[in-house]
Amino acid sequence: MSDEIEYNHDKALSLAKELSVEIQMSLPSTYDIASISTKSKLPFKALSLREAIIHRVSELADTSCQLFERKKYISAFILTRSLMETVAVLYWVFEKVSKVNQTQKTGNIDHFFMRFLFGCRDDVKFPPPYNVLDAIDKINESFEGYRQMYDDLSEFAHPNWSGVAGSYSEVDRKNFRITFGLRMEDIPLSSGLAPLAASLHIFKHYYKELGNLMPTFIKICDLEVGAGKT
């Protein structure tokens, strides 16, 4: 492995750790529900989803960075893939709230919130969850290549060749021997570190932007309640 490649990997991990710490320091602990809105439940649902997401992102990011440092690369890839899914959901929430602010209409956003807040496949009393690929494809519309990075990580997350035999075994055809253990020199670290750092950067920006949208969103939601539209 060349010094240049090693330096790039170190730089990507350093950036990811820095972003992870920033996110961890921004974690909210509580909200006074009445302070959000006493008329519409939609702002409460939006903020509940936003703040639950940042806690999930923080845990996944922190653990992923630790796993990369410990050279537990496949585990790190799997958690990075989960983080990408969560960031994609946050971005989709941002787009939905942004559309409400632009159109001055809440539309079907309550149904959207409920499917993410309470979506469950095993209980008919709850709304069906979204397919996470819908969120991945949505963010890919704005960040081309996001889906490809996700798909690359999926090869390691699933027990395919990349995630099992390709990572944990090596055949010596000359000596008719197979050796087991993590093939660290053959793991494409950029496939994990690049999406980790990029996803955290995207999350940091859109988490803040979603917060900036909330005052206008609250006003629109409250006005609809006052007008008897919701």
Protein backbone atom coordinates (compact mmCIF):
# COMPACT_ATOMS: atom_id res chain seq x y z
CA MET A 1 0.00 0.00 0.00
CA SER A 2 1.48 3.33 -1.05
CA ASP A 3 2.03 6.21 1.34
CA GLU A 4 -0.40 8.34 -0.69
CA ILE A 5 -3.24 5.82 -0.32
CA GLU A 6 -2.49 5.37 3.37
CA TYR A 7 -2.52 9.13 3.86
CA ASN A 8 -5.88 9.46 2.12
CA HIS A 9 -7.38 6.74 4.28
CA ASP A 10 -6.07 8.40 7.41
CA LYS A 11 -7.42 11.75 6.27
CA ALA A 12 -10.88 10.33 5.55
CA LEU A 13 -11.02 8.61 8.94
CA SER A 14 -9.82 11.75 10.69
CA LEU A 15 -12.57 13.78 8.99
CA ALA A 16 -15.19 11.19 9.90
CA LYS A 17 -14.08 11.22 13.55
CA GLU A 18 -14.16 15.01 13.63
CA LEU A 19 -17.70 15.09 12.22
CA SER A 20 -18.78 12.33 14.58
CA VAL A 21 -17.59 14.32 17.60
CA GLU A 22 -19.38 17.46 16.34
CA ILE A 23 -22.62 15.53 15.97
CA GLN A 24 -22.22 13.92 19.37
CA MET A 25 -21.83 17.33 20.97
CA SER A 26 -25.06 18.49 19.31
CA LEU A 27 -27.29 15.71 20.64
CA PRO A 28 -30.56 17.02 22.11
CA SER A 29 -31.86 15.48 25.31
CA THR A 30 -35.40 16.83 25.65
CA TYR A 31 -38.03 19.08 24.11
CA ASP A 32 -41.01 20.77 25.72
CA ILE A 33 -43.77 19.61 23.38
CA ALA A 34 -46.00 22.60 24.12
CA SER A 35 -43.19 24.96 23.13
CA ILE A 36 -43.19 23.54 19.60
CA SER A 37 -46.88 23.99 18.83
CA THR A 38 -50.12 23.80 20.77
CA LYS A 39 -52.23 23.53 17.61
CA SER A 40 -50.72 21.10 15.12
CA LYS A 41 -49.05 17.77 15.86
CA LEU A 42 -47.03 17.88 12.64
CA PRO A 43 -44.14 20.03 13.96
CA PHE A 44 -43.82 17.69 16.95
CA LYS A 45 -43.64 14.68 14.62
CA ALA A 46 -41.06 16.39 12.41
CA LEU A 47 -38.82 17.27 15.35
CA SER A 48 -39.28 13.88 16.98
CA LEU A 49 -38.04 12.22 13.81
CA ARG A 50 -35.19 14.71 13.34
CA GLU A 51 -33.84 14.31 16.87
CA ALA A 52 -34.22 10.54 16.99
CA ILE A 53 -32.30 10.37 13.72
CA ILE A 54 -29.35 12.41 15.03
CA HIS A 55 -29.02 10.07 18.01
CA ARG A 56 -28.96 7.04 15.68
CA VAL A 57 -26.47 8.71 13.34
CA SER A 58 -24.21 9.63 16.27
CA GLU A 59 -24.12 6.07 17.59
CA LEU A 60 -23.50 4.54 14.16
CA ALA A 61 -20.81 7.09 13.29
CA ASP A 62 -18.95 6.74 16.58
CA THR A 63 -18.97 2.95 16.44
CA SER A 64 -18.00 2.87 12.76
CA CYS A 65 -14.97 5.07 13.44
CA GLN A 66 -13.92 2.84 16.32
CA LEU A 67 -14.23 -0.27 14.14
CA PHE A 68 -12.14 1.29 11.37
CA GLU A 69 -9.45 2.16 13.90
CA ARG A 70 -9.48 -1.41 15.22
CA LYS A 71 -9.29 -2.73 11.64
CA LYS A 72 -12.66 -4.46 11.97
CA TYR A 73 -13.38 -3.42 8.41
CA ILE A 74 -16.35 -5.60 7.47
CA SER A 75 -18.23 -4.63 10.62
CA ALA A 76 -17.37 -0.99 9.92
CA PHE A 77 -18.69 -1.33 6.36
CA ILE A 78 -21.97 -2.81 7.61
CA LEU A 79 -22.55 0.00 10.10
CA THR A 80 -21.55 2.64 7.56
CA ARG A 81 -24.21 1.24 5.23
CA SER A 82 -26.79 1.60 8.02
CA LEU A 83 -25.62 5.15 8.59
CA MET A 84 -26.08 5.94 4.89
CA GLU A 85 -29.67 4.73 5.11
CA THR A 86 -30.35 6.93 8.12
CA VAL A 87 -28.81 10.00 6.51
CA ALA A 88 -30.93 9.37 3.41
CA VAL A 89 -34.07 9.38 5.58
CA LEU A 90 -33.07 12.70 7.16
CA TYR A 91 -32.53 14.19 3.71
CA TRP A 92 -35.95 12.96 2.59
CA VAL A 93 -37.56 14.59 5.65
CA PHE A 94 -35.78 17.82 4.74
CA GLU A 95 -37.17 17.66 1.20
CA LYS A 96 -40.70 17.01 2.43
CA VAL A 97 -40.68 19.88 4.92
CA SER A 98 -39.08 22.16 2.34
CA LYS A 99 -41.89 21.36 -0.11
CA VAL A 100 -44.51 22.25 2.52
CA ASN A 101 -42.83 25.59 3.05
CA GLN A 102 -42.70 26.26 -0.68
CA THR A 103 -46.30 25.26 -1.45
CA GLN A 104 -47.82 26.46 1.84
CA LYS A 105 -49.66 23.12 2.01
CA THR A 106 -48.95 20.16 4.27
CA GLY A 107 -50.36 17.64 1.81
CA ASN A 108 -49.68 14.04 2.86
CA ILE A 109 -46.74 14.80 5.11
CA ASP A 110 -48.52 13.41 8.18
CA HIS A 111 -48.73 10.00 6.50
CA PHE A 112 -45.04 10.34 5.58
CA PHE A 113 -44.06 11.07 9.18
CA MET A 114 -46.18 8.25 10.58
CA ARG A 115 -44.62 5.64 8.29
CA PHE A 116 -41.14 6.57 9.50
CA LEU A 117 -42.05 7.07 13.15
CA PHE A 118 -44.19 3.96 13.55
CA GLY A 119 -43.60 1.85 10.45
CA CYS A 120 -43.65 -1.87 11.20
CA ARG A 121 -43.88 -4.95 8.99
CA ASP A 122 -44.99 -7.35 11.72
CA ASP A 123 -48.05 -5.60 13.15
CA VAL A 124 -51.04 -4.54 11.05
CA LYS A 125 -51.98 -1.94 13.68
CA PHE A 126 -49.00 0.12 12.55
CA PRO A 127 -48.43 1.76 9.16
CA PRO A 128 -46.17 -0.05 6.70
CA PRO A 129 -42.57 1.23 6.67
CA TYR A 130 -40.94 2.68 3.60
CA ASN A 131 -38.45 0.61 1.67
CA VAL A 132 -35.11 2.15 2.61
CA LEU A 133 -34.07 2.07 -1.05
CA ASP A 134 -36.70 4.75 -1.69
CA ALA A 135 -34.73 7.03 0.63
CA ILE A 136 -31.42 6.03 -0.96
CA ASP A 137 -32.75 6.77 -4.44
CA LYS A 138 -34.19 10.09 -3.27
CA ILE A 139 -30.85 11.36 -1.93
CA ASN A 140 -29.09 9.99 -5.01
CA GLU A 141 -31.11 12.45 -7.11
CA SER A 142 -29.19 15.28 -5.46
CA PHE A 143 -25.94 13.46 -4.70
CA GLU A 144 -25.16 11.31 -7.70
CA GLY A 145 -23.12 8.28 -6.75
CA TYR A 146 -24.72 7.84 -3.32
CA ARG A 147 -26.65 4.78 -4.50
CA GLN A 148 -23.52 3.27 -6.02
CA MET A 149 -21.57 3.70 -2.78
CA TYR A 150 -24.47 2.11 -0.92
CA ASP A 151 -24.62 -0.81 -3.35
CA ASP A 152 -20.86 -1.33 -3.01
CA LEU A 153 -21.21 -1.59 0.77
CA SER A 154 -24.13 -3.96 0.36
CA GLU A 155 -21.78 -6.49 -1.21
CA PHE A 156 -19.91 -6.59 2.11
CA ALA A 157 -23.01 -6.34 4.31
CA HIS A 158 -24.54 -9.42 2.72
CA PRO A 159 -22.90 -12.87 2.94
CA ASN A 160 -21.81 -12.69 -0.69
CA TRP A 161 -18.31 -13.29 -2.04
CA SER A 162 -17.09 -9.84 -0.93
CA GLY A 163 -18.52 -10.20 2.56
CA VAL A 164 -17.39 -13.75 3.25
CA ALA A 165 -14.94 -15.73 1.11
CA GLY A 166 -13.42 -12.68 -0.56
CA SER A 167 -12.69 -11.04 2.78
CA TYR A 168 -11.88 -13.98 5.03
CA SER A 169 -10.15 -16.58 2.87
CA GLU A 170 -7.38 -16.83 0.30
CA VAL A 171 -6.64 -19.76 -1.99
CA ASP A 172 -3.04 -20.62 -2.76
CA ARG A 173 -3.53 -22.49 -6.01
CA LYS A 174 0.16 -23.26 -6.40
CA ASN A 175 0.40 -25.06 -3.05
CA PHE A 176 -3.22 -26.30 -2.92
CA ARG A 177 -3.87 -24.52 0.34
CA ILE A 178 -6.54 -22.16 1.69
CA THR A 179 -5.82 -19.64 4.43
CA PHE A 180 -8.51 -18.04 6.57
CA GLY A 181 -8.60 -14.66 8.24
CA LEU A 182 -9.36 -11.07 7.29
CA ARG A 183 -7.48 -10.13 4.13
CA MET A 184 -6.83 -6.56 5.23
CA GLU A 185 -4.59 -5.71 2.29
CA ASP A 186 -7.40 -6.59 -0.14
CA ILE A 187 -10.22 -4.70 1.58
CA PRO A 188 -11.03 -1.51 -0.42
CA LEU A 189 -11.07 0.89 2.51
CA SER A 190 -12.21 3.75 0.31
CA SER A 191 -15.48 1.87 -0.20
CA GLY A 192 -16.20 2.39 3.48
CA LEU A 193 -14.35 5.52 4.53
CA ALA A 194 -15.47 7.68 1.60
CA PRO A 195 -19.21 7.12 2.16
CA LEU A 196 -18.76 7.43 5.93
CA ALA A 197 -17.15 10.86 5.72
CA ALA A 198 -19.43 12.03 2.89
CA SER A 199 -22.61 10.90 4.64
CA LEU A 200 -21.67 12.64 7.87
CA HIS A 201 -20.90 15.83 5.97
CA ILE A 202 -24.30 15.67 4.23
CA PHE A 203 -26.04 14.93 7.51
CA LYS A 204 -24.43 17.84 9.33
CA HIS A 205 -25.60 20.28 6.66
CA TYR A 206 -29.17 19.04 6.24
CA TYR A 207 -29.79 18.50 9.94
CA LYS A 208 -29.08 22.19 10.41
CA GLU A 209 -31.09 23.21 7.34
CA LEU A 210 -34.08 21.19 8.52
CA GLY A 211 -33.95 23.08 11.79
CA ASN A 212 -33.92 26.35 9.89
CA LEU A 213 -37.11 25.33 8.07
CA MET A 214 -39.05 24.63 11.26
CA PRO A 215 -40.32 28.15 12.19
CA THR A 216 -42.02 28.56 8.79
CA PHE A 217 -43.23 24.95 8.85
CA ILE A 218 -44.82 25.46 12.27
CA LYS A 219 -46.65 28.58 11.09
CA ILE A 220 -48.05 26.80 8.03
CA CYS A 221 -49.19 23.81 10.09
CA ASP A 222 -50.84 26.02 12.71
CA LEU A 223 -52.61 28.10 10.06
CA GLU A 224 -54.05 24.96 8.47
CA VAL A 225 -55.39 23.84 11.84
CA GLY A 226 -56.92 27.26 12.39
CA ALA A 227 -58.54 27.14 8.97
CA GLY A 228 -59.89 23.66 9.66
CA LYS A 229 -57.86 22.05 6.87
CA THR A 230 -56.22 19.38 9.07
